[in-house]
Amino acid sequence: MINVKKLYNSLLNDSTITALVDTDNILSSWPNEEIETFPCIIFMDENQSDSEYCDNKPEASSASVQIHVFTKKLDGYASTSEIAEKICDVMHEDLWHCSQNGEVSDPDPDCEHRVMRFDKSIFTN
């Protein structure tokens, strides 16, 4: 097993993404309070499991991460699509597969909310 949270944080703090989303607004867990600073990215480790074995020892992990992108529908804010495009560029460069990418409804009519999911096999040795 590897520290995937550290990996996700590193990928999402790429300069092409932080040009649109402040690093303080890239979170590794759901905040306890309502999101008030936009745009915002929240990533959650969905799964990490052994996927390949050699000599009865795991050699690779299958990992998946869910990424939520929030922004405001106001001038001066990047859209969730613009932010998602940068996230996809970074994740694809590191050979992650995007298995989900779509808008979901948000209770605040002035907000956009996009959910993305990426999967990858990561070799541990």
N, C-alpha and C. Protein backbone atom coordinates (compact mmCIF):
# COMPACT_ATOMS: atom_id res chain seq x y z
N MET A 1 0.84 -1.18 0.00
CA MET A 1 0.00 0.00 0.00
C MET A 1 0.89 1.25 0.00
N ILE A 2 0.39 2.28 -0.64
CA ILE A 2 1.11 3.54 -0.67
C ILE A 2 0.22 4.63 -0.09
N ASN A 3 0.82 5.76 0.22
CA ASN A 3 0.06 6.89 0.75
C ASN A 3 -0.58 7.63 -0.42
N VAL A 4 -1.79 7.19 -0.79
CA VAL A 4 -2.45 7.78 -1.95
C VAL A 4 -2.93 9.20 -1.69
N LYS A 5 -3.27 9.53 -0.45
CA LYS A 5 -3.70 10.89 -0.15
C LYS A 5 -2.59 11.89 -0.50
N LYS A 6 -1.37 11.51 -0.18
CA LYS A 6 -0.22 12.36 -0.52
C LYS A 6 -0.08 12.48 -2.04
N LEU A 7 -0.30 11.36 -2.74
CA LEU A 7 -0.23 11.37 -4.20
C LEU A 7 -1.31 12.26 -4.80
N TYR A 8 -2.56 12.11 -4.33
CA TYR A 8 -3.65 12.95 -4.84
C TYR A 8 -3.38 14.43 -4.58
N ASN A 9 -2.92 14.73 -3.38
CA ASN A 9 -2.63 16.12 -3.02
C ASN A 9 -1.56 16.70 -3.94
N SER A 10 -0.54 15.92 -4.21
CA SER A 10 0.53 16.36 -5.10
C SER A 10 0.00 16.64 -6.51
N LEU A 11 -0.80 15.72 -7.03
CA LEU A 11 -1.35 15.89 -8.38
C LEU A 11 -2.27 17.11 -8.45
N LEU A 12 -3.15 17.27 -7.48
CA LEU A 12 -4.13 18.36 -7.53
C LEU A 12 -3.52 19.72 -7.21
N ASN A 13 -2.31 19.75 -6.68
CA ASN A 13 -1.63 21.02 -6.44
C ASN A 13 -0.71 21.38 -7.58
N ASP A 14 -0.94 20.81 -8.74
CA ASP A 14 -0.21 21.17 -9.96
C ASP A 14 -0.50 22.64 -10.28
N SER A 15 0.48 23.32 -10.83
CA SER A 15 0.34 24.76 -11.07
C SER A 15 -0.79 25.10 -12.04
N THR A 16 -1.12 24.20 -12.98
CA THR A 16 -2.23 24.50 -13.90
C THR A 16 -3.57 24.50 -13.17
N ILE A 17 -3.68 23.71 -12.11
CA ILE A 17 -4.92 23.68 -11.31
C ILE A 17 -4.93 24.82 -10.31
N THR A 18 -3.79 25.05 -9.64
CA THR A 18 -3.74 26.12 -8.63
C THR A 18 -3.81 27.51 -9.25
N ALA A 19 -3.68 27.61 -10.57
CA ALA A 19 -3.92 28.89 -11.23
C ALA A 19 -5.41 29.24 -11.19
N LEU A 20 -6.26 28.21 -11.03
CA LEU A 20 -7.71 28.42 -10.98
C LEU A 20 -8.30 28.26 -9.58
N VAL A 21 -7.66 27.43 -8.75
CA VAL A 21 -8.15 27.13 -7.40
C VAL A 21 -7.00 27.32 -6.41
N ASP A 22 -7.20 28.19 -5.42
CA ASP A 22 -6.18 28.44 -4.41
C ASP A 22 -5.84 27.14 -3.67
N THR A 23 -4.57 26.93 -3.37
CA THR A 23 -4.14 25.70 -2.69
C THR A 23 -4.85 25.50 -1.35
N ASP A 24 -5.23 26.56 -0.67
CA ASP A 24 -5.96 26.44 0.59
C ASP A 24 -7.37 25.88 0.38
N ASN A 25 -7.84 25.87 -0.86
CA ASN A 25 -9.17 25.38 -1.19
C ASN A 25 -9.14 24.01 -1.87
N ILE A 26 -8.04 23.30 -1.73
CA ILE A 26 -7.92 21.92 -2.20
C ILE A 26 -7.85 21.07 -0.95
N LEU A 27 -8.95 20.38 -0.65
CA LEU A 27 -9.12 19.70 0.64
C LEU A 27 -9.16 18.18 0.48
N SER A 28 -8.60 17.48 1.47
CA SER A 28 -8.56 16.02 1.42
C SER A 28 -9.70 15.38 2.22
N SER A 29 -10.62 16.17 2.70
CA SER A 29 -11.79 15.63 3.39
C SER A 29 -12.90 16.67 3.33
N TRP A 30 -14.10 16.21 3.57
CA TRP A 30 -15.25 17.10 3.55
C TRP A 30 -15.17 18.04 4.74
N PRO A 31 -15.34 19.35 4.53
CA PRO A 31 -15.26 20.30 5.66
C PRO A 31 -16.45 20.12 6.61
N ASN A 32 -16.24 20.48 7.86
CA ASN A 32 -17.31 20.38 8.86
C ASN A 32 -18.38 21.44 8.67
N GLU A 33 -18.03 22.53 8.03
CA GLU A 33 -18.99 23.60 7.83
C GLU A 33 -19.30 23.75 6.35
N GLU A 34 -20.20 24.63 6.03
CA GLU A 34 -20.59 24.90 4.65
C GLU A 34 -19.41 25.51 3.90
N ILE A 35 -19.28 25.16 2.64
CA ILE A 35 -18.22 25.72 1.81
C ILE A 35 -18.55 27.18 1.55
N GLU A 36 -17.60 28.06 1.86
CA GLU A 36 -17.84 29.50 1.69
C GLU A 36 -16.85 30.16 0.75
N THR A 37 -15.73 29.50 0.47
CA THR A 37 -14.72 30.07 -0.40
C THR A 37 -14.68 29.26 -1.69
N PHE A 38 -14.83 29.95 -2.80
CA PHE A 38 -14.91 29.30 -4.10
C PHE A 38 -13.83 29.83 -5.02
N PRO A 39 -13.42 29.07 -6.03
CA PRO A 39 -13.72 27.66 -6.24
C PRO A 39 -13.03 26.77 -5.21
N CYS A 40 -13.51 25.53 -5.12
CA CYS A 40 -13.02 24.59 -4.12
C CYS A 40 -12.98 23.19 -4.72
N ILE A 41 -11.95 22.43 -4.34
CA ILE A 41 -11.83 21.02 -4.74
C ILE A 41 -11.75 20.19 -3.47
N ILE A 42 -12.57 19.15 -3.41
CA ILE A 42 -12.52 18.19 -2.30
C ILE A 42 -12.26 16.82 -2.91
N PHE A 43 -11.19 16.15 -2.46
CA PHE A 43 -10.91 14.81 -2.97
C PHE A 43 -10.99 13.80 -1.84
N MET A 44 -11.51 12.62 -2.19
CA MET A 44 -11.69 11.56 -1.20
C MET A 44 -11.18 10.25 -1.77
N ASP A 45 -10.33 9.59 -1.00
CA ASP A 45 -9.83 8.27 -1.37
C ASP A 45 -10.99 7.29 -1.28
N GLU A 46 -11.41 6.74 -2.41
CA GLU A 46 -12.53 5.80 -2.42
C GLU A 46 -12.11 4.37 -2.14
N ASN A 47 -10.97 3.99 -2.69
CA ASN A 47 -10.56 2.60 -2.56
C ASN A 47 -9.08 2.46 -2.89
N GLN A 48 -8.44 1.56 -2.16
CA GLN A 48 -7.10 1.11 -2.50
C GLN A 48 -7.04 -0.36 -2.12
N SER A 49 -6.84 -1.20 -3.09
CA SER A 49 -6.81 -2.63 -2.82
C SER A 49 -5.71 -3.30 -3.63
N ASP A 50 -5.23 -4.43 -3.11
CA ASP A 50 -4.20 -5.18 -3.82
C ASP A 50 -4.78 -5.69 -5.12
N SER A 51 -3.97 -5.61 -6.18
CA SER A 51 -4.50 -6.03 -7.48
C SER A 51 -3.62 -7.03 -8.22
N GLU A 52 -2.33 -7.07 -7.92
CA GLU A 52 -1.43 -8.03 -8.55
C GLU A 52 -0.50 -8.60 -7.50
N TYR A 53 -0.18 -9.89 -7.66
CA TYR A 53 0.66 -10.57 -6.68
C TYR A 53 1.85 -11.23 -7.35
N CYS A 54 2.94 -11.34 -6.60
CA CYS A 54 4.13 -12.07 -7.02
C CYS A 54 4.70 -12.72 -5.76
N ASP A 55 4.90 -14.02 -5.80
CA ASP A 55 5.38 -14.77 -4.64
C ASP A 55 4.50 -14.51 -3.41
N ASN A 56 3.20 -14.49 -3.64
CA ASN A 56 2.19 -14.29 -2.59
C ASN A 56 2.28 -12.94 -1.89
N LYS A 57 2.89 -11.97 -2.53
CA LYS A 57 2.98 -10.62 -1.98
C LYS A 57 2.36 -9.65 -2.98
N PRO A 58 1.64 -8.64 -2.48
CA PRO A 58 1.06 -7.66 -3.40
C PRO A 58 2.15 -6.84 -4.09
N GLU A 59 2.02 -6.71 -5.39
CA GLU A 59 2.97 -5.93 -6.19
C GLU A 59 2.35 -4.65 -6.73
N ALA A 60 1.01 -4.59 -6.72
CA ALA A 60 0.32 -3.41 -7.25
C ALA A 60 -0.97 -3.19 -6.48
N SER A 61 -1.38 -1.94 -6.46
CA SER A 61 -2.65 -1.57 -5.85
C SER A 61 -3.54 -0.95 -6.90
N SER A 62 -4.81 -1.21 -6.77
CA SER A 62 -5.80 -0.53 -7.59
C SER A 62 -6.34 0.60 -6.72
N ALA A 63 -6.27 1.82 -7.22
CA ALA A 63 -6.70 2.98 -6.43
C ALA A 63 -7.78 3.75 -7.17
N SER A 64 -8.68 4.35 -6.42
CA SER A 64 -9.68 5.23 -7.02
C SER A 64 -9.92 6.42 -6.09
N VAL A 65 -10.13 7.57 -6.71
CA VAL A 65 -10.35 8.80 -5.97
C VAL A 65 -11.57 9.51 -6.56
N GLN A 66 -12.38 10.08 -5.68
CA GLN A 66 -13.52 10.88 -6.10
C GLN A 66 -13.16 12.35 -5.85
N ILE A 67 -13.41 13.18 -6.84
CA ILE A 67 -13.07 14.60 -6.76
C ILE A 67 -14.33 15.42 -6.97
N HIS A 68 -14.61 16.31 -6.02
CA HIS A 68 -15.75 17.23 -6.12
C HIS A 68 -15.20 18.62 -6.41
N VAL A 69 -15.76 19.27 -7.40
CA VAL A 69 -15.36 20.63 -7.77
C VAL A 69 -16.56 21.54 -7.56
N PHE A 70 -16.35 22.59 -6.79
CA PHE A 70 -17.40 23.58 -6.52
C PHE A 70 -16.94 24.95 -7.01
N THR A 71 -17.86 25.70 -7.60
CA THR A 71 -17.57 27.08 -7.98
C THR A 71 -18.88 27.86 -8.01
N LYS A 72 -18.76 29.15 -8.22
CA LYS A 72 -19.93 30.03 -8.30
C LYS A 72 -20.24 30.32 -9.76
N LYS A 73 -21.51 30.53 -10.04
CA LYS A 73 -21.96 30.89 -11.39
C LYS A 73 -21.91 32.41 -11.54
N LEU A 74 -20.77 33.00 -11.28
CA LEU A 74 -20.59 34.44 -11.34
C LEU A 74 -19.37 34.78 -12.17
N ASP A 75 -19.36 35.97 -12.75
CA ASP A 75 -18.18 36.42 -13.48
C ASP A 75 -16.97 36.44 -12.55
N GLY A 76 -15.83 36.07 -13.08
CA GLY A 76 -14.61 36.06 -12.29
C GLY A 76 -14.28 34.71 -11.69
N TYR A 77 -15.20 33.76 -11.75
CA TYR A 77 -14.97 32.40 -11.24
C TYR A 77 -14.82 31.45 -12.41
N ALA A 78 -13.82 30.59 -12.35
CA ALA A 78 -13.68 29.54 -13.36
C ALA A 78 -14.85 28.57 -13.22
N SER A 79 -15.35 28.07 -14.33
CA SER A 79 -16.46 27.10 -14.28
C SER A 79 -15.93 25.74 -13.84
N THR A 80 -16.84 24.88 -13.41
CA THR A 80 -16.42 23.53 -13.04
C THR A 80 -15.83 22.81 -14.25
N SER A 81 -16.32 23.11 -15.44
CA SER A 81 -15.78 22.48 -16.65
C SER A 81 -14.34 22.90 -16.91
N GLU A 82 -14.04 24.18 -16.71
CA GLU A 82 -12.67 24.67 -16.89
C GLU A 82 -11.72 24.02 -15.89
N ILE A 83 -12.15 23.93 -14.63
CA ILE A 83 -11.32 23.32 -13.59
C ILE A 83 -11.16 21.83 -13.87
N ALA A 84 -12.26 21.17 -14.25
CA ALA A 84 -12.23 19.73 -14.54
C ALA A 84 -11.28 19.42 -15.69
N GLU A 85 -11.24 20.28 -16.69
CA GLU A 85 -10.34 20.07 -17.83
C GLU A 85 -8.89 20.04 -17.36
N LYS A 86 -8.52 20.95 -16.46
CA LYS A 86 -7.14 20.98 -15.93
C LYS A 86 -6.87 19.75 -15.07
N ILE A 87 -7.86 19.35 -14.26
CA ILE A 87 -7.70 18.14 -13.44
C ILE A 87 -7.49 16.93 -14.34
N CYS A 88 -8.31 16.80 -15.38
CA CYS A 88 -8.17 15.68 -16.32
C CYS A 88 -6.80 15.67 -16.97
N ASP A 89 -6.32 16.84 -17.39
CA ASP A 89 -4.98 16.91 -18.01
C ASP A 89 -3.91 16.36 -17.08
N VAL A 90 -3.95 16.79 -15.82
CA VAL A 90 -2.95 16.36 -14.84
C VAL A 90 -3.08 14.87 -14.54
N MET A 91 -4.30 14.41 -14.32
CA MET A 91 -4.51 13.00 -13.98
C MET A 91 -4.17 12.09 -15.17
N HIS A 92 -4.56 12.48 -16.36
CA HIS A 92 -4.23 11.67 -17.55
C HIS A 92 -2.73 11.62 -17.79
N GLU A 93 -2.05 12.71 -17.51
CA GLU A 93 -0.58 12.74 -17.66
C GLU A 93 0.07 11.69 -16.75
N ASP A 94 -0.56 11.44 -15.60
CA ASP A 94 -0.06 10.43 -14.65
C ASP A 94 -0.75 9.07 -14.85
N LEU A 95 -1.41 8.91 -16.01
CA LEU A 95 -2.03 7.65 -16.44
C LEU A 95 -3.22 7.20 -15.60
N TRP A 96 -3.99 8.16 -15.08
CA TRP A 96 -5.24 7.84 -14.37
C TRP A 96 -6.36 7.79 -15.40
N HIS A 97 -7.32 6.92 -15.18
CA HIS A 97 -8.48 6.75 -16.05
C HIS A 97 -9.68 7.45 -15.42
N CYS A 98 -10.34 8.32 -16.17
CA CYS A 98 -11.52 9.02 -15.67
C CYS A 98 -12.74 8.15 -15.94
N SER A 99 -13.39 7.67 -14.88
CA SER A 99 -14.56 6.81 -15.03
C SER A 99 -15.87 7.53 -14.72
N GLN A 100 -15.80 8.77 -14.25
CA GLN A 100 -17.00 9.57 -13.98
C GLN A 100 -16.63 11.04 -14.08
N ASN A 101 -17.49 11.82 -14.72
CA ASN A 101 -17.26 13.25 -14.83
C ASN A 101 -18.59 13.90 -15.23
N GLY A 102 -19.26 14.49 -14.24
CA GLY A 102 -20.53 15.11 -14.57
C GLY A 102 -21.00 16.09 -13.52
N GLU A 103 -21.86 16.99 -13.96
CA GLU A 103 -22.47 17.97 -13.06
C GLU A 103 -23.54 17.30 -12.21
N VAL A 104 -23.63 17.72 -10.97
CA VAL A 104 -24.71 17.27 -10.08
C VAL A 104 -25.40 18.52 -9.54
N SER A 105 -26.63 18.35 -9.12
CA SER A 105 -27.36 19.51 -8.61
C SER A 105 -26.80 19.93 -7.26
N ASP A 106 -26.90 21.21 -6.98
CA ASP A 106 -26.44 21.77 -5.72
C ASP A 106 -27.61 22.55 -5.11
N PRO A 107 -27.79 22.48 -3.79
CA PRO A 107 -28.90 23.21 -3.17
C PRO A 107 -28.83 24.73 -3.38
N ASP A 108 -27.60 25.24 -3.57
CA ASP A 108 -27.43 26.67 -3.81
C ASP A 108 -27.51 26.92 -5.32
N PRO A 109 -28.52 27.65 -5.78
CA PRO A 109 -28.67 27.86 -7.23
C PRO A 109 -27.52 28.66 -7.86
N ASP A 110 -26.72 29.34 -7.05
CA ASP A 110 -25.59 30.11 -7.57
C ASP A 110 -24.31 29.29 -7.66
N CYS A 111 -24.38 28.00 -7.29
CA CYS A 111 -23.18 27.14 -7.29
C CYS A 111 -23.23 26.10 -8.40
N GLU A 112 -22.06 25.75 -8.89
CA GLU A 112 -21.89 24.60 -9.78
C GLU A 112 -21.16 23.53 -8.99
N HIS A 113 -21.53 22.28 -9.20
CA HIS A 113 -20.91 21.16 -8.49
C HIS A 113 -20.69 20.04 -9.50
N ARG A 114 -19.45 19.64 -9.66
CA ARG A 114 -19.08 18.56 -10.58
C ARG A 114 -18.42 17.45 -9.78
N VAL A 115 -18.75 16.19 -10.10
CA VAL A 115 -18.14 15.04 -9.45
C VAL A 115 -17.35 14.26 -10.50
N MET A 116 -16.11 13.94 -10.13
CA MET A 116 -15.23 13.18 -11.02
C MET A 116 -14.68 11.98 -10.26
N ARG A 117 -14.37 10.92 -10.98
CA ARG A 117 -13.76 9.74 -10.37
C ARG A 117 -12.64 9.26 -11.28
N PHE A 118 -11.49 8.98 -10.67
CA PHE A 118 -10.33 8.50 -11.41
C PHE A 118 -9.85 7.19 -10.79
N ASP A 119 -9.37 6.28 -11.65
CA ASP A 119 -8.88 4.97 -11.24
C ASP A 119 -7.51 4.71 -11.86
N LYS A 120 -6.69 3.94 -11.14
CA LYS A 120 -5.37 3.60 -11.67
C LYS A 120 -4.81 2.41 -10.91
N SER A 121 -4.02 1.59 -11.61
CA SER A 121 -3.21 0.57 -10.94
C SER A 121 -1.85 1.18 -10.64
N ILE A 122 -1.42 1.06 -9.40
CA ILE A 122 -0.17 1.65 -8.95
C ILE A 122 0.75 0.52 -8.49
N PHE A 123 1.91 0.43 -9.11
CA PHE A 123 2.86 -0.62 -8.72
C PHE A 123 3.64 -0.17 -7.49
N THR A 124 3.70 -1.05 -6.49
CA THR A 124 4.29 -0.68 -5.21
C THR A 124 5.81 -0.91 -5.18
N ASN A 125 6.33 -1.69 -6.08
CA ASN A 125 7.79 -1.93 -6.10
C ASN A 125 8.44 -1.36 -7.32
